[in-house]
C-alpha atoms as a PDB file:
ATOM      1  CA  UNK A   1      -0.088  -0.126  -0.207  1.00  0.00           C
ATOM      2  CA  UNK A   2       2.510   2.473   0.648  1.00  0.00           C
ATOM      3  CA  UNK A   3       4.323   1.641  -2.066  1.00  0.00           C
ATOM      4  CA  UNK A   4       1.352   2.587  -4.504  1.00  0.00           C
ATOM      5  CA  UNK A   5       0.810   5.463  -2.311  1.00  0.00           C
ATOM      6  CA  UNK A   6       4.283   6.752  -2.877  1.00  0.00           C
ATOM      7  CA  UNK A   7       4.288   6.613  -6.712  1.00  0.00           C
ATOM      8  CA  UNK A   8       1.162   8.091  -7.160  1.00  0.00           C
ATOM      9  CA  UNK A   9       2.516  10.801  -4.816  1.00  0.00           C
ATOM     10  CA  UNK A  10       5.098  11.376  -7.254  1.00  0.00           C
ATOM     11  CA  UNK A  11       3.334  11.513 -10.191  1.00  0.00           C
ATOM     12  CA  UNK A  12       0.940  14.404  -8.322  1.00  0.00           C
ATOM     13  CA  UNK A  13       4.152  16.319  -7.004  1.00  0.00           C
ATOM     14  CA  UNK A  14       5.428  16.094 -10.663  1.00  0.00           C
ATOM     15  CA  UNK A  15       2.462  18.225 -12.117  1.00  0.00           C
ATOM     16  CA  UNK A  16       0.053  15.570 -12.890  1.00  0.00           C
ATOM     17  CA  UNK A  17      -3.216  16.751 -12.213  1.00  0.00           C
ATOM     18  CA  UNK A  18      -5.083  13.979 -13.201  1.00  0.00           C
ATOM     19  CA  UNK A  19      -3.427  11.368 -10.822  1.00  0.00           C
ATOM     20  CA  UNK A  20      -5.686   9.244  -8.635  1.00  0.00           C
ATOM     21  CA  UNK A  21      -4.860   7.260  -5.610  1.00  0.00           C
ATOM     22  CA  UNK A  22      -7.484   4.177  -6.242  1.00  0.00           C
ATOM     23  CA  UNK A  23      -7.585   2.789  -2.868  1.00  0.00           C
ATOM     24  CA  UNK A  24     -10.464   3.160  -0.342  1.00  0.00           C
ATOM     25  CA  UNK A  25      -9.922   5.103   3.183  1.00  0.00           C
ATOM     26  CA  UNK A  26     -10.093   1.483   5.306  1.00  0.00           C
ATOM     27  CA  UNK A  27      -7.380   0.526   2.952  1.00  0.00           C
ATOM     28  CA  UNK A  28      -5.302   3.640   3.433  1.00  0.00           C
ATOM     29  CA  UNK A  29      -5.944   3.495   7.299  1.00  0.00           C
ATOM     30  CA  UNK A  30      -5.313  -0.359   7.460  1.00  0.00           C
ATOM     31  CA  UNK A  31      -1.581   0.483   6.507  1.00  0.00           C
ATOM     32  CA  UNK A  32      -1.409   3.901   8.271  1.00  0.00           C
ATOM     33  CA  UNK A  33       2.284   4.025  10.027  1.00  0.00           C
ATOM     34  CA  UNK A  34       4.045   3.486   6.440  1.00  0.00           C
ATOM     35  CA  UNK A  35       1.795   4.981   4.410  1.00  0.00           C
ATOM     36  CA  UNK A  36       1.811   8.178   6.657  1.00  0.00           C
ATOM     37  CA  UNK A  37       5.850   7.724   6.173  1.00  0.00           C
ATOM     38  CA  UNK A  38       6.136   8.334   2.579  1.00  0.00           C
ATOM     39  CA  UNK A  39       3.624  11.060   2.649  1.00  0.00           C
ATOM     40  CA  UNK A  40       5.628  12.622   5.395  1.00  0.00           C
ATOM     41  CA  UNK A  41       8.595  12.089   2.931  1.00  0.00           C
ATOM     42  CA  UNK A  42       6.953  13.467   0.243  1.00  0.00           C
ATOM     43  CA  UNK A  43       5.794  16.495   1.909  1.00  0.00           C
ATOM     44  CA  UNK A  44       8.994  17.349   3.605  1.00  0.00           C
ATOM     45  CA  UNK A  45      11.346  17.145   0.527  1.00  0.00           C
ATOM     46  CA  UNK A  46      13.121  20.496  -0.233  1.00  0.00           C
ATOM     47  CA  UNK A  47      11.574  22.596  -2.503  1.00  0.00           C
ATOM     48  CA  UNK A  48       7.909  20.924  -2.162  1.00  0.00           C
ATOM     49  CA  UNK A  49       6.853  23.779   0.229  1.00  0.00           C
ATOM     50  CA  UNK A  50       2.989  25.305   0.287  1.00  0.00           C
ATOM     51  CA  UNK A  51       2.073  24.513  -3.280  1.00  0.00           C
ATOM     52  CA  UNK A  52       3.172  20.992  -3.021  1.00  0.00           C
ATOM     53  CA  UNK A  53       1.208  20.557   0.320  1.00  0.00           C
ATOM     54  CA  UNK A  54      -1.763  21.787  -1.674  1.00  0.00           C
ATOM     55  CA  UNK A  55      -1.167  19.169  -4.694  1.00  0.00           C
ATOM     56  CA  UNK A  56      -0.934  16.657  -2.145  1.00  0.00           C
ATOM     57  CA  UNK A  57      -4.474  17.630  -0.847  1.00  0.00           C
ATOM     58  CA  UNK A  58      -5.996  18.006  -3.928  1.00  0.00           C
ATOM     59  CA  UNK A  59      -4.690  14.311  -4.916  1.00  0.00           C
ATOM     60  CA  UNK A  60      -6.648  12.995  -1.644  1.00  0.00           C
ATOM     61  CA  UNK A  61      -9.823  15.281  -2.866  1.00  0.00           C
ATOM     62  CA  UNK A  62      -9.593  13.567  -6.339  1.00  0.00           C
ATOM     63  CA  UNK A  63      -9.726  10.699  -5.209  1.00  0.00           C
ATOM     64  CA  UNK A  64     -12.315  10.849  -2.942  1.00  0.00           C
ATOM     65  CA  UNK A  65     -10.692  10.343   0.337  1.00  0.00           C
ATOM     66  CA  UNK A  66     -10.132  13.434   1.694  1.00  0.00           C
ATOM     67  CA  UNK A  67     -13.369  14.097   3.396  1.00  0.00           C
ATOM     68  CA  UNK A  68     -13.148  10.309   4.636  1.00  0.00           C
ATOM     69  CA  UNK A  69      -9.864  10.772   6.396  1.00  0.00           C
ATOM     70  CA  UNK A  70     -11.337  13.556   8.242  1.00  0.00           C
ATOM     71  CA  UNK A  71     -14.341  11.744   9.318  1.00  0.00           C
ATOM     72  CA  UNK A  72     -12.241   8.481  10.297  1.00  0.00           C
ATOM     73  CA  UNK A  73     -11.188  10.789  12.970  1.00  0.00           C
ATOM     74  CA  UNK A  74     -14.593  10.758  14.940  1.00  0.00           C
ATOM     75  CA  UNK A  75     -14.770   6.773  14.091  1.00  0.00           C
ATOM     76  CA  UNK A  76     -15.956   4.750  17.254  1.00  0.00           C
ATOM     77  CA  UNK A  77     -12.573   2.362  16.503  1.00  0.00           C
ATOM     78  CA  UNK A  78      -9.826   3.767  18.329  1.00  0.00           C
ATOM     79  CA  UNK A  79      -7.466   2.053  16.111  1.00  0.00           C
ATOM     80  CA  UNK A  80      -8.909   3.918  12.996  1.00  0.00           C
ATOM     81  CA  UNK A  81      -8.694   7.338  14.968  1.00  0.00           C
ATOM     82  CA  UNK A  82      -5.264   6.714  15.656  1.00  0.00           C
ATOM     83  CA  UNK A  83      -4.764   5.830  12.072  1.00  0.00           C
ATOM     84  CA  UNK A  84      -6.368   8.971  10.657  1.00  0.00           C
ATOM     85  CA  UNK A  85      -4.603  11.569  13.043  1.00  0.00           C
ATOM     86  CA  UNK A  86      -1.492   9.896  11.451  1.00  0.00           C
ATOM     87  CA  UNK A  87      -2.158  10.164   7.400  1.00  0.00           C
ATOM     88  CA  UNK A  88      -4.095  13.732   8.141  1.00  0.00           C
ATOM     89  CA  UNK A  89      -0.973  15.269   9.707  1.00  0.00           C
ATOM     90  CA  UNK A  90       1.408  13.768   7.179  1.00  0.00           C
ATOM     91  CA  UNK A  91      -0.477  14.971   4.426  1.00  0.00           C
ATOM     92  CA  UNK A  92      -0.785  18.427   6.229  1.00  0.00           C
ATOM     93  CA  UNK A  93      -4.799  18.801   6.373  1.00  0.00           C
ATOM     94  CA  UNK A  94      -5.073  21.628   8.235  1.00  0.00           C
ATOM     95  CA  UNK A  95      -8.975  20.942   8.446  1.00  0.00           C
ATOM     96  CA  UNK A  96      -8.178  18.290  10.658  1.00  0.00           C
ATOM     97  CA  UNK A  97      -6.694  20.486  13.109  1.00  0.00           C
ATOM     98  CA  UNK A  98      -9.700  20.818  15.427  1.00  0.00           C
ATOM     99  CA  UNK A  99     -10.756  17.491  15.222  1.00  0.00           C
ATOM    100  CA  UNK A 100      -7.326  16.357  16.005  1.00  0.00           C
ATOM    101  CA  UNK A 101      -7.380  18.669  19.092  1.00  0.00           C
ATOM    102  CA  UNK A 102     -10.076  16.809  20.169  1.00  0.00           C
ATOM    103  CA  UNK A 103      -8.450  13.397  20.489  1.00  0.00           C
ATOM    104  CA  UNK A 104      -6.173  15.128  23.095  1.00  0.00           C
ATOM    105  CA  UNK A 105      -9.193  14.133  25.667  1.00  0.00           C
ATOM    106  CA  UNK A 106      -9.636  10.473  24.129  1.00  0.00           C
ATOM    107  CA  UNK A 107     -10.202   7.689  26.370  1.00  0.00           C
ATOM    108  CA  UNK A 108      -7.479   6.085  24.453  1.00  0.00           C
ATOM    109  CA  UNK A 109      -4.039   6.477  25.302  1.00  0.00           C
ATOM    110  CA  UNK A 110      -2.808   5.430  22.096  1.00  0.00           C
ATOM    111  CA  UNK A 111      -5.291   7.985  20.106  1.00  0.00           C
ATOM    112  CA  UNK A 112      -4.046  10.529  22.644  1.00  0.00           C
ATOM    113  CA  UNK A 113      -0.558  10.158  21.925  1.00  0.00           C
ATOM    114  CA  UNK A 114      -1.447   9.820  18.287  1.00  0.00           C
ATOM    115  CA  UNK A 115      -3.159  13.307  18.488  1.00  0.00           C
ATOM    116  CA  UNK A 116      -0.180  14.844  20.093  1.00  0.00           C
ATOM    117  CA  UNK A 117       2.281  13.494  17.553  1.00  0.00           C
ATOM    118  CA  UNK A 118      -0.345  14.715  14.398  1.00  0.00           C
ATOM    119  CA  UNK A 119      -0.346  18.307  15.826  1.00  0.00           C
ATOM    120  CA  UNK A 120       3.200  18.562  16.099  1.00  0.00           C
ATOM    121  CA  UNK A 121       3.511  17.509  12.440  1.00  0.00           C
ATOM    122  CA  UNK A 122       0.861  20.065  11.664  1.00  0.00           C
ATOM    123  CA  UNK A 123       2.600  22.794  13.195  1.00  0.00           C
ATOM    124  CA  UNK A 124       0.958  26.479  13.544  1.00  0.00           C
ATOM    125  CA  UNK A 125      -0.669  28.713  15.880  1.00  0.00           C
ATOM    126  CA  UNK A 126      -3.653  26.859  16.096  1.00  0.00           C
ATOM    127  CA  UNK A 127      -1.662  23.571  16.758  1.00  0.00           C
ATOM    128  CA  UNK A 128       0.213  25.203  19.395  1.00  0.00           C
ATOM    129  CA  UNK A 129      -2.753  26.687  20.990  1.00  0.00           C
ATOM    130  CA  UNK A 130      -4.340  23.103  21.235  1.00  0.00           C
ATOM    131  CA  UNK A 131      -1.118  21.701  22.767  1.00  0.00           C
ATOM    132  CA  UNK A 132      -0.845  24.412  25.240  1.00  0.00           C
ATOM    133  CA  UNK A 133      -4.810  24.031  25.771  1.00  0.00           C
ATOM    134  CA  UNK A 134      -4.155  20.528  26.727  1.00  0.00           C
ATOM    135  CA  UNK A 135      -0.962  20.922  28.570  1.00  0.00           C
ATOM    136  CA  UNK A 136      -2.296  19.711  31.783  1.00  0.00           C
ATOM    137  CA  UNK A 137      -3.018  15.630  30.053  1.00  0.00           C
ATOM    138  CA  UNK A 138      -0.030  15.697  27.876  1.00  0.00           C
ATOM    139  CA  UNK A 139       3.069  14.008  29.643  1.00  0.00           C
ATOM    140  CA  UNK A 140       5.664  16.799  29.922  1.00  0.00           C
ATOM    141  CA  UNK A 141       8.405  15.102  27.798  1.00  0.00           C
ATOM    142  CA  UNK A 142       5.856  14.489  24.919  1.00  0.00           C
ATOM    143  CA  UNK A 143       4.854  18.322  25.047  1.00  0.00           C
ATOM    144  CA  UNK A 144       8.630  19.865  24.906  1.00  0.00           C
ATOM    145  CA  UNK A 145       8.935  17.570  22.076  1.00  0.00           C
ATOM    146  CA  UNK A 146       5.657  18.432  20.107  1.00  0.00           C
ATOM    147  CA  UNK A 147       6.217  22.252  20.797  1.00  0.00           C
ATOM    148  CA  UNK A 148       9.830  22.301  19.388  1.00  0.00           C
ATOM    149  CA  UNK A 149       8.200  20.768  16.571  1.00  0.00           C
ATOM    150  CA  UNK A 150       5.104  22.331  15.830  1.00  0.00           C
ATOM    151  CA  UNK A 151       6.063  25.804  17.293  1.00  0.00           C
ATOM    152  CA  UNK A 152       7.303  29.036  15.545  1.00  0.00           C
ATOM    153  CA  UNK A 153      10.019  31.481  16.543  1.00  0.00           C
ATOM    154  CA  UNK A 154       7.291  33.993  17.366  1.00  0.00           C
ATOM    155  CA  UNK A 155       5.373  31.204  18.931  1.00  0.00           C
ATOM    156  CA  UNK A 156       8.205  30.412  21.268  1.00  0.00           C
ATOM    157  CA  UNK A 157       9.080  33.790  21.875  1.00  0.00           C
ATOM    158  CA  UNK A 158       5.468  34.534  23.050  1.00  0.00           C
ATOM    159  CA  UNK A 159       4.900  31.424  25.294  1.00  0.00           C
ATOM    160  CA  UNK A 160       8.406  32.105  27.033  1.00  0.00           C
ATOM    161  CA  UNK A 161       7.027  35.563  27.524  1.00  0.00           C
ATOM    162  CA  UNK A 162       3.688  34.865  29.239  1.00  0.00           C
ATOM    163  CA  UNK A 163       3.295  31.078  29.766  1.00  0.00           C
ATOM    164  CA  UNK A 164      -0.243  29.667  30.907  1.00  0.00           C
ATOM    165  CA  UNK A 165       1.346  27.510  33.613  1.00  0.00           C
ATOM    166  CA  UNK A 166       4.719  26.310  35.090  1.00  0.00           C
ATOM    167  CA  UNK A 167       4.213  23.165  33.325  1.00  0.00           C
ATOM    168  CA  UNK A 168       3.890  25.152  29.844  1.00  0.00           C
ATOM    169  CA  UNK A 169       7.085  27.286  31.085  1.00  0.00           C
ATOM    170  CA  UNK A 170       8.937  24.051  31.841  1.00  0.00           C
ATOM    171  CA  UNK A 171       7.650  22.540  28.334  1.00  0.00           C
ATOM    172  CA  UNK A 172       8.718  25.309  26.297  1.00  0.00           C
ATOM    173  CA  UNK A 173      12.140  25.900  27.864  1.00  0.00           C
ATOM    174  CA  UNK A 174      13.106  22.825  27.248  1.00  0.00           C
ATOM    175  CA  UNK A 175      11.468  23.167  23.601  1.00  0.00           C
ATOM    176  CA  UNK A 176      14.058  25.806  23.447  1.00  0.00           C
ATOM    177  CA  UNK A 177      16.825  23.420  23.993  1.00  0.00           C
ATOM    178  CA  UNK A 178      15.418  20.822  21.578  1.00  0.00           C
ATOM    179  CA  UNK A 179      15.328  23.215  18.709  1.00  0.00           C
ATOM    180  CA  UNK A 180      18.916  23.872  19.624  1.00  0.00           C
ATOM    181  CA  UNK A 181      18.037  27.813  19.542  1.00  0.00           C
ATOM    182  CA  UNK A 182      21.262  29.558  19.626  1.00  0.00           C
ATOM    183  CA  UNK A 183      19.636  32.758  19.633  1.00  0.00           C
ATOM    184  CA  UNK A 184      17.337  31.801  23.088  1.00  0.00           C
ATOM    185  CA  UNK A 185      20.731  31.358  25.171  1.00  0.00           C
ATOM    186  CA  UNK A 186      20.671  35.294  26.532  1.00  0.00           C
ATOM    187  CA  UNK A 187      16.841  34.713  27.961  1.00  0.00           C
ATOM    188  CA  UNK A 188      17.433  31.027  29.123  1.00  0.00           C
ATOM    189  CA  UNK A 189      20.336  32.567  31.380  1.00  0.00           C
ATOM    190  CA  UNK A 190      18.326  34.953  32.368  1.00  0.00           C
ATOM    191  CA  UNK A 191      15.351  32.610  33.726  1.00  0.00           C
ATOM    192  CA  UNK A 192      18.047  30.568  34.971  1.00  0.00           C
ATOM    193  CA  UNK A 193      19.415  33.215  37.294  1.00  0.00           C
ATOM    194  CA  UNK A 194      16.281  34.623  38.132  1.00  0.00           C
ATOM    195  CA  UNK A 195      14.596  33.800  41.503  1.00  0.00           C
ATOM    196  CA  UNK A 196      11.324  35.034  40.514  1.00  0.00           C
ATOM    197  CA  UNK A 197      10.612  31.722  38.563  1.00  0.00           C
ATOM    198  CA  UNK A 198       9.764  28.475  39.732  1.00  0.00           C
ATOM    199  CA  UNK A 199      12.615  26.233  40.547  1.00  0.00           C
ATOM    200  CA  UNK A 200      11.708  23.317  37.634  1.00  0.00           C
ATOM    201  CA  UNK A 201      11.560  26.036  35.023  1.00  0.00           C
ATOM    202  CA  UNK A 202      14.931  27.638  36.154  1.00  0.00           C
ATOM    203  CA  UNK A 203      16.284  23.821  36.461  1.00  0.00           C
ATOM    204  CA  UNK A 204      14.906  23.289  32.699  1.00  0.00           C
ATOM    205  CA  UNK A 205      16.407  26.401  31.697  1.00  0.00           C
ATOM    206  CA  UNK A 206      19.754  24.944  32.548  1.00  0.00           C
ATOM    207  CA  UNK A 207      18.964  21.686  30.903  1.00  0.00           C
ATOM    208  CA  UNK A 208      18.320  23.636  27.803  1.00  0.00           C
ATOM    209  CA  UNK A 209      21.238  25.578  27.740  1.00  0.00           C
ATOM    210  CA  UNK A 210      23.322  22.091  27.614  1.00  0.00           C
ATOM    211  CA  UNK A 211      21.497  20.775  25.176  1.00  0.00           C
ATOM    212  CA  UNK A 212      21.826  23.761  23.016  1.00  0.00           C
ATOM    213  CA  UNK A 213      25.778  23.635  23.632  1.00  0.00           C
ATOM    214  CA  UNK A 214      26.662  27.273  22.938  1.00  0.00           C
ATOM    215  CA  UNK A 215      30.045  28.219  24.514  1.00  0.00           C
ATOM    216  CA  UNK A 216      28.456  31.516  25.625  1.00  0.00           C
ATOM    217  CA  UNK A 217      26.117  29.731  28.051  1.00  0.00           C
ATOM    218  CA  UNK A 218      29.177  28.640  29.924  1.00  0.00           C
ATOM    219  CA  UNK A 219      30.180  31.290  32.405  1.00  0.00           C
ATOM    220  CA  UNK A 220      26.654  32.160  33.408  1.00  0.00           C
ATOM    221  CA  UNK A 221      26.292  28.520  33.929  1.00  0.00           C
ATOM    222  CA  UNK A 222      29.090  28.127  36.136  1.00  0.00           C
ATOM    223  CA  UNK A 223      28.592  31.274  38.111  1.00  0.00           C
ATOM    224  CA  UNK A 224      25.174  29.964  39.071  1.00  0.00           C
ATOM    225  CA  UNK A 225      26.689  26.650  40.062  1.00  0.00           C
ATOM    226  CA  UNK A 226      29.048  28.342  42.387  1.00  0.00           C
ATOM    227  CA  UNK A 227      26.497  31.008  44.069  1.00  0.00           C
ATOM    228  CA  UNK A 228      23.164  29.716  43.838  1.00  0.00           C
ATOM    229  CA  UNK A 229      21.382  29.453  47.258  1.00  0.00           C
ATOM    230  CA  UNK A 230      19.039  26.968  46.084  1.00  0.00           C
ATOM    231  CA  UNK A 231      20.905  23.397  46.346  1.00  0.00           C
ATOM    232  CA  UNK A 232      18.794  21.640  43.419  1.00  0.00           C
ATOM    233  CA  UNK A 233      19.646  24.522  41.121  1.00  0.00           C
ATOM    234  CA  UNK A 234      23.216  24.615  41.939  1.00  0.00           C
ATOM    235  CA  UNK A 235      23.430  20.542  41.181  1.00  0.00           C
ATOM    236  CA  UNK A 236      21.553  21.718  38.059  1.00  0.00           C
ATOM    237  CA  UNK A 237      23.839  24.497  36.568  1.00  0.00           C
ATOM    238  CA  UNK A 238      26.716  22.334  37.814  1.00  0.00           C
ATOM    239  CA  UNK A 239      25.496  19.178  35.613  1.00  0.00           C
ATOM    240  CA  UNK A 240      24.454  21.411  32.687  1.00  0.00           C
ATOM    241  CA  UNK A 241      27.977  23.395  32.953  1.00  0.00           C
ATOM    242  CA  UNK A 242      30.082  19.977  32.720  1.00  0.00           C
ATOM    243  CA  UNK A 243      28.049  18.719  29.961  1.00  0.00           C
ATOM    244  CA  UNK A 244      28.581  21.845  27.829  1.00  0.00           C
ATOM    245  CA  UNK A 245      32.120  22.241  28.655  1.00  0.00           C
ATOM    246  CA  UNK A 246      32.407  18.300  27.586  1.00  0.00           C
ATOM    247  CA  UNK A 247      30.540  19.049  24.614  1.00  0.00           C
ATOM    248  CA  UNK A 248      32.634  22.155  23.801  1.00  0.00           C
ATOM    249  CA  UNK A 249      35.922  20.359  24.159  1.00  0.00           C
ATOM    250  CA  UNK A 250      34.539  17.244  21.967  1.00  0.00           C
ATOM    251  CA  UNK A 251      33.912  19.656  19.068  1.00  0.00           C
END
């Protein structure tokens, strides 16, 4: 199935406006993981861009699959709901964002996880807003990973400036590290040193700075490790400093 999808996708992206995918929605969803993989690879190629995303969506419309895939997000079968989230997000079907957002409250944990991954893949402000609205129900590590992929620089800046909760702040700071966002080194150092921030947020800032690995953060982390009155922050800063120095030497 994935091979058939790949061949037709390549034809459509080459400009063939009559290309049609002769499969049914149940067939597509029965092999959702590899199918989503080939779609993701196709739309993620250099030069594909927004026009390419539109061409893929038009292919699904011509093939009478588009509406059926979105309808499957409300299927009574949790396996189909999760599969539909994977395929819709891989195909950058923006009409599915709100439906997938509803799945963050799904009773099935596999569907909830698929929804988080789907929103991170779709990206954009609506996806970020939905992820943050559901932050209390998403494991911290998964939320940070999703934000690192879904959020734009503007989104990250807004979230750092006015986080909705302590968990949201921690996830945002960790996302900066996962993005290797060198431009955030100075703000992260500010958070790490500012005792008005909750301890977990300051600790996350130290972790993010070590993950980014920029040498300009070394002195600030070292001072924090030597002089902060909070033993947990001191230990975290020292660990981050040593990790950063080790990485710098390794380069």
